[in-house]
Amino acid sequence: MKSLINRIPFLAAFVFLTFTSFAQFPMSDELAKSSLKKHITFLADDKLEGRLVGSNGEKLAYEYITKNFTQFGLKPKGTEVFLQTFVSNKNFNPHATSDSGVTPISGHNVIAYIDNKAENTVILGAHFDHLGYNEYGGSTYRGEKDEKPKIHNGADDNASGTSALLVLAEALSKNEFKKNNYLFIAFTGEEEGLLGSNYFCKHPTIDLAKVTYMINMDMVGRLDTAKNSVQVGGYGTSPAWGKVFGTMPPEHFKIKFDSSGTGPSDHTSFYNVGIPVLFFFTGTHSDYHKPSDDEDKINYTDELRIVKYMYTLIGKLDAEPKMAFTKTREDSSAKVSFKVTLGIMPDYTFEGKGVSVDGVTDGKPASKAGIKRGDIIIQLGEIKTDDMQAYMRALSKFKKGETTKVKILRLSKEKVFDITF
């Protein structure tokens, strides 16, 4: 998942624990969980060196994904068999020495298809790239001075989503649901600005007018069992979502819905071309965009439950007509410009007033001031930070080098810290 700085806060709308009958998943739990682990273990191995777009690690990853799509009997739907190659001339490297300052990078989407000769197509996607050695930035790790660059393996971000995509591809290849076609896309370049999904939407290999909806899986491997909440974005992109989710409350977790069709991941590219979307996400954690995001921290039991829930959702929509698209609210925080940061990771599942701190980056203002994980920021300067929009508006008032006060709740007691940006 690319930078969370402009993440849209999720609405406090929950579906709580209750019963549901899953469509019969065509793999045993043992086999499916083993497959998830196999895929993540390979993709998050050091030998792939963080799967940076355009790198040899990306190549090893797309070859692995291609091999699995082939084994499942899926048809290639790229421009070069399973691959769709693109070149981006975005200025990734601010220290580039060329006159233009541009580093051209070749990326490779992997695209596979189940052709049921149906009228409409469902797109399932996940990005498989990550940060490599942090060549293009994005890491939240602050190591020792002169420390050698470290591999960012991205087990949760987003080997977890890619593994979910592969398991769903294998399950759907059993051909139980035949009223739609199914297109599977493993995107690259997401971390550098949704490059792969944006390219696909501008150069689609199928008719996008025939796409009924798109599901994006990004960071679905670290469900916090204490919070037990899966975040689902895109709820407002079609009236059909409310109807179908109302018929299938999850059994083992609760869902927090967000209506917006945009966010820091690949579903945004599809929303922007008028396709209903969903975005499955288990939340951030202290290893986000750090070298410590490794395979041994994945919660396989709950990732499988999420995969099976998505399979049930797909099954319920298989015989439905093409879904209507609706535009969603624009998040006002996305329009706020600011040049400073506290260096915190917000907890987007928090329901109370204030901004709950889910992580603190070493060496950043919050860490230096003494703010800790679990603190709730209720005021920054003169502005009360009741929610993320207010927090971002408050940040926009400050410049680098300025000092102000931040008021927090820690174990229900107010504390005030001086903080310098």
Protein backbone atom coordinates (compact mmCIF):
# COMPACT_ATOMS: atom_id res chain seq x y z
CA MET A 1 0.00 0.00 0.00
CA LYS A 2 1.32 3.40 -0.91
CA SER A 3 1.70 6.21 1.65
CA LEU A 4 -1.12 6.49 4.16
CA ILE A 5 -0.80 10.23 4.66
CA ASN A 6 -3.98 10.95 2.70
CA ARG A 7 -5.92 7.88 3.78
CA ILE A 8 -9.65 8.52 3.94
CA PRO A 9 -10.96 7.83 7.45
CA PHE A 10 -13.34 4.94 7.63
CA LEU A 11 -16.93 5.46 8.69
CA ALA A 12 -18.04 3.98 11.99
CA ALA A 13 -20.48 1.52 10.47
CA PHE A 14 -20.09 -2.05 11.65
CA VAL A 15 -21.53 -5.46 10.92
CA PHE A 16 -21.16 -7.50 14.13
CA LEU A 17 -20.58 -11.16 14.82
CA THR A 18 -23.45 -13.40 13.87
CA PHE A 19 -24.11 -16.44 11.78
CA THR A 20 -23.73 -16.87 8.05
CA SER A 21 -23.54 -19.87 5.76
CA PHE A 22 -20.51 -19.67 3.49
CA ALA A 23 -20.74 -20.90 -0.07
CA GLN A 24 -18.90 -24.20 -0.11
CA PHE A 25 -15.27 -23.23 -0.56
CA PRO A 26 -13.72 -25.73 -2.99
CA MET A 27 -10.55 -26.23 -0.93
CA SER A 28 -10.08 -27.59 2.55
CA ASP A 29 -9.03 -25.07 5.20
CA GLU A 30 -5.77 -26.94 5.62
CA LEU A 31 -4.95 -26.80 1.90
CA ALA A 32 -6.05 -23.17 1.49
CA LYS A 33 -4.05 -22.00 4.51
CA SER A 34 -1.05 -23.96 3.28
CA SER A 35 -1.36 -22.23 -0.11
CA LEU A 36 -1.53 -18.80 1.47
CA LYS A 37 1.59 -19.54 3.48
CA LYS A 38 3.43 -20.95 0.46
CA HIS A 39 2.71 -17.85 -1.65
CA ILE A 40 3.60 -15.33 1.06
CA THR A 41 6.74 -17.23 2.06
CA PHE A 42 7.99 -17.10 -1.53
CA LEU A 43 7.03 -13.50 -2.27
CA ALA A 44 8.41 -12.15 1.04
CA ASP A 45 11.69 -14.04 0.86
CA ASP A 46 14.92 -12.05 0.94
CA LYS A 47 15.90 -13.39 -2.48
CA LEU A 48 13.19 -11.21 -4.05
CA GLU A 49 14.79 -8.18 -2.37
CA GLY A 50 11.51 -6.41 -1.67
CA ARG A 51 9.92 -6.76 -5.15
CA LEU A 52 10.70 -3.19 -6.23
CA VAL A 53 9.00 -2.26 -9.51
CA GLY A 54 11.40 -2.83 -12.40
CA SER A 55 13.82 -4.94 -10.36
CA ASN A 56 14.93 -8.54 -10.66
CA GLY A 57 12.85 -9.25 -7.55
CA GLU A 58 9.77 -8.01 -9.39
CA LYS A 59 10.68 -10.39 -12.23
CA LEU A 60 10.96 -13.36 -9.87
CA ALA A 61 7.57 -12.41 -8.41
CA TYR A 62 5.74 -12.06 -11.72
CA GLU A 63 7.24 -15.33 -12.95
CA TYR A 64 5.93 -17.04 -9.80
CA ILE A 65 2.45 -15.53 -10.22
CA THR A 66 2.40 -16.49 -13.92
CA LYS A 67 3.38 -20.07 -13.07
CA ASN A 68 0.50 -20.34 -10.61
CA PHE A 69 -2.06 -18.83 -12.98
CA THR A 70 -0.91 -21.37 -15.59
CA GLN A 71 -1.21 -24.28 -13.15
CA PHE A 72 -4.78 -23.21 -12.31
CA GLY A 73 -5.68 -23.44 -15.99
CA LEU A 74 -6.38 -19.71 -16.39
CA LYS A 75 -6.07 -18.06 -19.78
CA PRO A 76 -3.50 -15.32 -20.38
CA LYS A 77 -5.01 -11.88 -20.84
CA GLY A 78 -1.99 -9.60 -20.96
CA THR A 79 -0.44 -8.04 -24.02
CA GLU A 80 2.55 -10.42 -23.85
CA VAL A 81 0.82 -13.65 -22.85
CA PHE A 82 0.17 -13.09 -19.10
CA LEU A 83 2.23 -9.89 -18.85
CA GLN A 84 1.36 -6.27 -19.53
CA THR A 85 4.54 -4.23 -19.64
CA PHE A 86 4.60 -0.48 -19.21
CA VAL A 87 7.23 2.23 -18.81
CA SER A 88 6.80 5.10 -16.39
CA ASN A 89 8.82 8.28 -16.72
CA LYS A 90 7.79 9.56 -13.32
CA ASN A 91 10.53 11.27 -11.33
CA PHE A 92 10.99 8.66 -8.62
CA ASN A 93 14.42 9.79 -7.49
CA PRO A 94 14.79 13.37 -6.25
CA HIS A 95 18.57 12.90 -6.39
CA ALA A 96 18.65 11.91 -10.07
CA THR A 97 21.65 13.38 -11.91
CA SER A 98 20.13 13.55 -15.39
CA ASP A 99 18.98 16.89 -16.73
CA SER A 100 15.34 15.82 -16.62
CA GLY A 101 15.65 14.18 -13.21
CA VAL A 102 13.58 11.29 -14.59
CA THR A 103 14.23 7.60 -13.99
CA PRO A 104 12.32 5.51 -16.54
CA ILE A 105 11.11 2.26 -14.97
CA SER A 106 9.58 -0.77 -16.66
CA GLY A 107 6.80 -2.47 -14.73
CA HIS A 108 4.87 -5.65 -15.39
CA ASN A 109 1.25 -6.39 -14.51
CA VAL A 110 0.23 -10.08 -14.57
CA ILE A 111 -3.25 -10.70 -16.00
CA ALA A 112 -5.22 -13.96 -16.20
CA TYR A 113 -8.78 -14.80 -17.20
CA ILE A 114 -11.59 -17.26 -16.64
CA ASP A 115 -13.78 -16.99 -19.71
CA ASN A 116 -17.26 -18.29 -18.95
CA LYS A 117 -18.64 -16.72 -22.17
CA ALA A 118 -20.69 -14.45 -19.92
CA GLU A 119 -21.90 -10.93 -20.63
CA ASN A 120 -20.08 -9.31 -17.71
CA THR A 121 -16.71 -9.62 -16.01
CA VAL A 122 -15.56 -9.34 -12.39
CA ILE A 123 -12.05 -8.00 -11.75
CA LEU A 124 -10.06 -9.20 -8.73
CA GLY A 125 -6.78 -7.43 -8.05
CA ALA A 126 -3.85 -6.99 -5.69
CA HIS A 127 -0.46 -5.33 -6.06
CA PHE A 128 2.62 -7.52 -5.72
CA ASP A 129 5.36 -4.89 -5.69
CA HIS A 130 6.92 -3.38 -2.56
CA LEU A 131 9.75 -1.01 -1.58
CA GLY A 132 12.88 -3.05 -2.31
CA TYR A 133 15.74 -1.44 -0.40
CA ASN A 134 13.75 1.82 -0.25
CA GLU A 135 15.40 3.10 -3.43
CA TYR A 136 12.46 5.37 -4.24
CA GLY A 137 11.48 6.23 -0.68
CA GLY A 138 8.35 5.41 1.28
CA SER A 139 9.94 3.55 4.18
CA THR A 140 8.90 4.46 7.72
CA TYR A 141 12.06 2.84 9.13
CA ARG A 142 14.59 5.15 10.77
CA GLY A 143 17.75 3.17 11.36
CA GLU A 144 21.17 4.13 12.58
CA LYS A 145 23.16 6.74 10.68
CA ASP A 146 25.17 5.20 7.82
CA GLU A 147 23.32 1.89 8.29
CA LYS A 148 23.25 -0.19 5.12
CA PRO A 149 19.89 -0.23 3.27
CA LYS A 150 17.62 -3.04 4.43
CA ILE A 151 15.28 -5.22 2.41
CA HIS A 152 11.60 -4.36 2.83
CA ASN A 153 9.97 -7.75 2.23
CA GLY A 154 6.37 -6.54 2.45
CA ALA A 155 4.80 -9.76 3.72
CA ASP A 156 1.56 -7.99 4.62
CA ASP A 157 2.09 -5.20 2.06
CA ASN A 158 1.26 -6.82 -0.20
CA ALA A 159 2.32 -10.44 -0.41
CA SER A 160 -0.81 -11.07 1.70
CA GLY A 161 -3.14 -9.56 -0.91
CA THR A 162 -1.34 -11.32 -3.74
CA SER A 163 -1.64 -14.66 -1.96
CA ALA A 164 -5.36 -14.02 -1.43
CA LEU A 165 -5.69 -13.27 -5.15
CA LEU A 166 -3.94 -16.52 -6.05
CA VAL A 167 -6.06 -18.63 -3.70
CA LEU A 168 -9.25 -17.02 -5.05
CA ALA A 169 -8.03 -17.67 -8.60
CA GLU A 170 -7.47 -21.33 -7.76
CA ALA A 171 -10.87 -21.61 -6.06
CA LEU A 172 -12.75 -19.90 -8.90
CA SER A 173 -10.95 -22.05 -11.47
CA LYS A 174 -13.08 -24.93 -10.16
CA ASN A 175 -15.86 -23.21 -12.14
CA GLU A 176 -18.65 -23.16 -9.56
CA PHE A 177 -19.69 -19.61 -10.48
CA LYS A 178 -20.31 -19.31 -14.22
CA LYS A 179 -22.60 -16.31 -14.71
CA ASN A 180 -19.66 -13.89 -14.87
CA ASN A 181 -16.19 -13.99 -16.36
CA TYR A 182 -13.31 -13.41 -13.93
CA LEU A 183 -10.21 -11.34 -14.57
CA PHE A 184 -7.30 -11.57 -12.12
CA ILE A 185 -4.70 -8.78 -12.10
CA ALA A 186 -1.51 -8.67 -10.04
CA PHE A 187 -0.45 -5.03 -10.28
CA THR A 188 3.02 -3.59 -9.98
CA GLY A 189 4.11 -0.03 -9.27
CA GLU A 190 1.39 0.56 -6.70
CA GLU A 191 3.87 1.83 -4.14
CA GLU A 192 5.09 4.49 -6.57
CA GLY A 193 1.61 5.88 -7.28
CA LEU A 194 -0.82 3.19 -8.55
CA LEU A 195 1.23 2.92 -11.75
CA GLY A 196 0.14 -0.56 -12.82
CA SER A 197 -3.58 -0.20 -12.19
CA ASN A 198 -3.62 3.26 -13.76
CA TYR A 199 -1.89 1.88 -16.85
CA PHE A 200 -4.31 -1.03 -17.10
CA CYS A 201 -7.35 1.26 -16.89
CA LYS A 202 -5.92 3.36 -19.72
CA HIS A 203 -4.90 0.30 -21.73
CA PRO A 204 -7.39 -2.43 -20.73
CA THR A 205 -7.15 -5.90 -22.20
CA ILE A 206 -10.92 -6.40 -21.89
CA ASP A 207 -13.90 -4.10 -22.46
CA LEU A 208 -14.22 -2.10 -19.24
CA ALA A 209 -17.84 -1.27 -20.14
CA LYS A 210 -18.58 -4.95 -19.41
CA VAL A 211 -17.00 -4.93 -15.93
CA THR A 212 -19.62 -5.24 -13.20
CA TYR A 213 -17.30 -4.59 -10.20
CA MET A 214 -13.70 -4.75 -8.96
CA ILE A 215 -12.38 -6.09 -5.62
CA ASN A 216 -8.97 -4.95 -4.40
CA MET A 217 -7.00 -6.78 -1.70
CA ASP A 218 -4.22 -4.76 -0.06
CA MET A 219 -2.79 -5.70 3.35
CA VAL A 220 -5.20 -8.45 4.42
CA GLY A 221 -2.77 -10.56 6.44
CA ARG A 222 -2.51 -8.89 9.85
CA LEU A 223 -6.00 -8.81 11.36
CA ASP A 224 -5.69 -7.52 14.92
CA THR A 225 -7.59 -10.10 16.95
CA ALA A 226 -8.18 -7.59 19.76
CA LYS A 227 -10.02 -5.20 17.43
CA ASN A 228 -11.25 -7.99 15.13
CA SER A 229 -12.24 -5.51 12.43
CA VAL A 230 -11.84 -5.76 8.66
CA GLN A 231 -12.10 -2.46 6.82
CA VAL A 232 -14.04 -2.43 3.54
CA GLY A 233 -13.89 0.66 1.35
CA GLY A 234 -16.03 1.44 -1.68
CA TYR A 235 -19.34 0.68 0.03
CA GLY A 236 -20.95 3.71 -1.59
CA THR A 237 -19.86 2.97 -5.16
CA SER A 238 -23.00 0.94 -5.90
CA PRO A 239 -26.39 0.52 -4.22
CA ALA A 240 -25.89 -3.22 -4.68
CA TRP A 241 -23.25 -3.34 -1.95
CA GLY A 242 -25.67 -2.47 0.82
CA LYS A 243 -28.09 -5.13 -0.35
CA VAL A 244 -25.60 -7.97 -0.59
CA PHE A 245 -23.70 -7.21 2.62
CA GLY A 246 -26.98 -7.10 4.48
CA THR A 247 -27.54 -10.76 3.59
CA MET A 248 -24.13 -12.06 4.67
CA PRO A 249 -22.92 -10.83 8.05
CA PRO A 250 -19.50 -12.35 8.78
CA GLU A 251 -19.07 -15.10 11.32
CA HIS A 252 -15.62 -14.48 12.74
CA PHE A 253 -14.97 -10.74 12.46
CA LYS A 254 -16.76 -7.43 12.13
CA ILE A 255 -16.66 -5.10 9.15
CA LYS A 256 -16.09 -1.37 9.21
CA PHE A 257 -17.41 0.20 6.02
CA ASP A 258 -16.25 3.32 4.23
CA SER A 259 -18.37 4.72 1.43
CA SER A 260 -15.56 6.33 -0.57
CA GLY A 261 -14.36 4.80 -3.82
CA THR A 262 -10.92 6.37 -3.54
CA GLY A 263 -7.96 5.62 -1.30
CA PRO A 264 -4.24 4.80 -1.33
CA SER A 265 -4.55 1.61 -3.37
CA ASP A 266 -5.40 0.25 -6.82
CA HIS A 267 -9.21 0.26 -6.57
CA THR A 268 -9.00 4.04 -6.99
CA SER A 269 -7.95 3.62 -10.63
CA PHE A 270 -11.11 1.60 -11.34
CA TYR A 271 -13.41 3.92 -9.43
CA ASN A 272 -12.06 6.78 -11.53
CA VAL A 273 -13.29 5.08 -14.71
CA GLY A 274 -16.76 4.45 -13.29
CA ILE A 275 -16.53 0.88 -11.96
CA PRO A 276 -18.01 -0.13 -8.56
CA VAL A 277 -15.20 -1.16 -6.22
CA LEU A 278 -14.48 -2.76 -2.87
CA PHE A 279 -11.23 -2.46 -0.92
CA PHE A 280 -10.43 -5.11 1.71
CA PHE A 281 -7.86 -4.06 4.34
CA THR A 282 -7.01 -5.36 7.84
CA GLY A 283 -5.36 -2.15 9.00
CA THR A 284 -1.93 -0.71 9.60
CA HIS A 285 0.58 -1.89 12.19
CA SER A 286 3.98 -1.01 13.60
CA ASP A 287 5.76 -2.91 10.79
CA TYR A 288 4.11 -0.92 7.99
CA HIS A 289 6.70 0.03 5.33
CA LYS A 290 9.52 -1.30 7.49
CA PRO A 291 12.02 -4.13 6.99
CA SER A 292 10.22 -5.95 9.83
CA ASP A 293 7.07 -6.66 7.74
CA ASP A 294 7.94 -10.36 7.51
CA GLU A 295 6.10 -13.61 6.88
CA ASP A 296 6.20 -14.89 10.45
CA LYS A 297 3.81 -12.12 11.55
CA ILE A 298 0.97 -13.06 9.19
CA ASN A 299 -2.33 -14.16 10.74
CA TYR A 300 -3.18 -17.01 8.37
CA THR A 301 -6.32 -18.16 10.14
CA ASP A 302 -8.06 -14.83 9.71
CA GLU A 303 -6.67 -14.16 6.25
CA LEU A 304 -8.31 -17.40 5.12
CA ARG A 305 -11.58 -16.32 6.74
CA ILE A 306 -11.43 -13.08 4.76
CA VAL A 307 -10.69 -14.99 1.54
CA LYS A 308 -13.65 -17.29 2.13
CA TYR A 309 -15.88 -14.31 2.90
CA MET A 310 -14.90 -12.70 -0.41
CA TYR A 311 -15.58 -16.00 -2.17
CA THR A 312 -19.07 -16.05 -0.67
CA LEU A 313 -19.62 -12.46 -1.75
CA ILE A 314 -18.54 -13.29 -5.31
CA GLY A 315 -20.90 -16.26 -5.33
CA LYS A 316 -23.87 -14.21 -4.15
CA LEU A 317 -23.27 -11.71 -6.96
CA ASP A 318 -22.61 -14.29 -9.66
CA ALA A 319 -26.14 -14.36 -11.07
CA GLU A 320 -26.92 -10.68 -10.44
CA PRO A 321 -27.24 -8.16 -13.29
CA LYS A 322 -24.45 -5.66 -14.00
CA MET A 323 -24.06 -3.41 -10.97
CA ALA A 324 -24.95 0.29 -11.11
CA PHE A 325 -22.13 2.73 -10.35
CA THR A 326 -22.53 5.68 -8.02
CA LYS A 327 -20.07 8.46 -7.28
CA THR A 328 -19.12 8.82 -3.63
CA ARG A 329 -18.29 11.69 -1.33
CA GLU A 330 -14.99 13.46 -1.68
CA ASP A 331 -12.97 13.45 1.49
CA SER A 332 -12.27 17.02 2.52
CA SER A 333 -8.97 15.98 4.10
CA ALA A 334 -7.63 15.10 0.66
CA LYS A 335 -7.85 18.80 -0.23
CA VAL A 336 -5.81 19.91 2.78
CA SER A 337 -2.18 20.78 2.04
CA PHE A 338 0.43 20.50 4.77
CA LYS A 339 4.21 20.47 4.94
CA VAL A 340 4.76 18.87 8.34
CA THR A 341 4.00 15.58 10.02
CA LEU A 342 3.91 14.28 13.57
CA GLY A 343 5.20 10.89 12.50
CA ILE A 344 2.30 8.82 13.79
CA MET A 345 0.28 6.02 12.28
CA PRO A 346 -3.42 6.61 13.01
CA ASP A 347 -5.71 3.77 14.05
CA TYR A 348 -8.46 3.88 11.43
CA THR A 349 -10.65 1.46 13.37
CA PHE A 350 -10.92 3.84 16.34
CA GLU A 351 -14.53 4.92 16.95
CA GLY A 352 -14.19 7.61 19.61
CA LYS A 353 -13.37 11.30 19.40
CA GLY A 354 -9.80 12.15 18.60
CA VAL A 355 -7.05 10.45 16.61
CA SER A 356 -5.83 7.23 18.16
CA VAL A 357 -2.11 6.56 17.70
CA ASP A 358 -1.43 3.08 16.35
CA GLY A 359 2.28 3.59 15.80
CA VAL A 360 5.03 6.18 16.28
CA THR A 361 8.00 6.64 13.94
CA ASP A 362 11.35 6.90 15.71
CA GLY A 363 13.06 10.25 15.32
CA LYS A 364 9.91 12.10 14.26
CA PRO A 365 8.25 14.93 16.28
CA ALA A 366 5.73 12.71 18.09
CA SER A 367 8.41 10.29 19.21
CA LYS A 368 10.69 13.10 20.40
CA ALA A 369 7.82 14.68 22.35
CA GLY A 370 7.00 11.43 24.16
CA ILE A 371 3.78 10.41 22.41
CA LYS A 372 3.19 6.66 22.53
CA ARG A 373 1.11 4.01 20.82
CA GLY A 374 -2.38 4.03 22.32
CA ASP A 375 -2.43 7.78 23.02
CA ILE A 376 -5.40 9.70 21.65
CA ILE A 377 -4.62 13.11 20.17
CA ILE A 378 -7.47 15.47 21.04
CA GLN A 379 -5.94 18.86 20.27
CA LEU A 380 -3.08 20.20 18.15
CA GLY A 381 -2.33 23.86 18.71
CA GLU A 382 -5.65 25.68 19.02
CA ILE A 383 -7.59 23.10 16.98
CA LYS A 384 -9.49 20.22 18.55
CA THR A 385 -8.76 17.04 16.60
CA ASP A 386 -12.07 15.20 16.92
CA ASP A 387 -11.43 13.26 13.70
CA MET A 388 -8.88 12.82 10.91
CA GLN A 389 -10.15 15.78 8.90
CA ALA A 390 -9.67 18.09 11.88
CA TYR A 391 -6.24 16.58 12.55
CA MET A 392 -5.13 17.24 8.97
CA ARG A 393 -6.52 20.78 9.06
CA ALA A 394 -4.51 21.35 12.22
CA LEU A 395 -1.32 20.06 10.60
CA SER A 396 -1.85 22.42 7.66
CA LYS A 397 -1.45 25.41 9.98
CA PHE A 398 2.20 24.69 10.78
CA LYS A 399 5.56 24.95 9.06
CA LYS A 400 8.78 23.08 9.64
CA GLY A 401 10.61 24.38 12.69
CA GLU A 402 7.53 25.74 14.45
CA THR A 403 6.65 24.63 17.99
CA THR A 404 3.17 24.10 19.42
CA LYS A 405 1.39 22.05 22.07
CA VAL A 406 -0.38 18.75 21.55
CA LYS A 407 -2.99 17.50 24.00
CA ILE A 408 -3.55 13.78 24.34
CA LEU A 409 -5.50 11.27 26.38
CA ARG A 410 -3.41 8.51 27.93
CA LEU A 411 -5.36 5.97 29.92
CA SER A 412 -8.22 8.51 30.14
CA LYS A 413 -5.95 11.20 31.62
CA GLU A 414 -5.11 14.40 29.74
CA LYS A 415 -1.46 15.20 29.06
CA VAL A 416 0.10 18.12 27.18
CA PHE A 417 3.39 17.96 25.28
CA ASP A 418 5.47 20.57 23.51
CA ILE A 419 6.14 19.48 19.96
CA THR A 420 8.46 20.89 17.30
CA PHE A 421 7.91 20.10 13.62
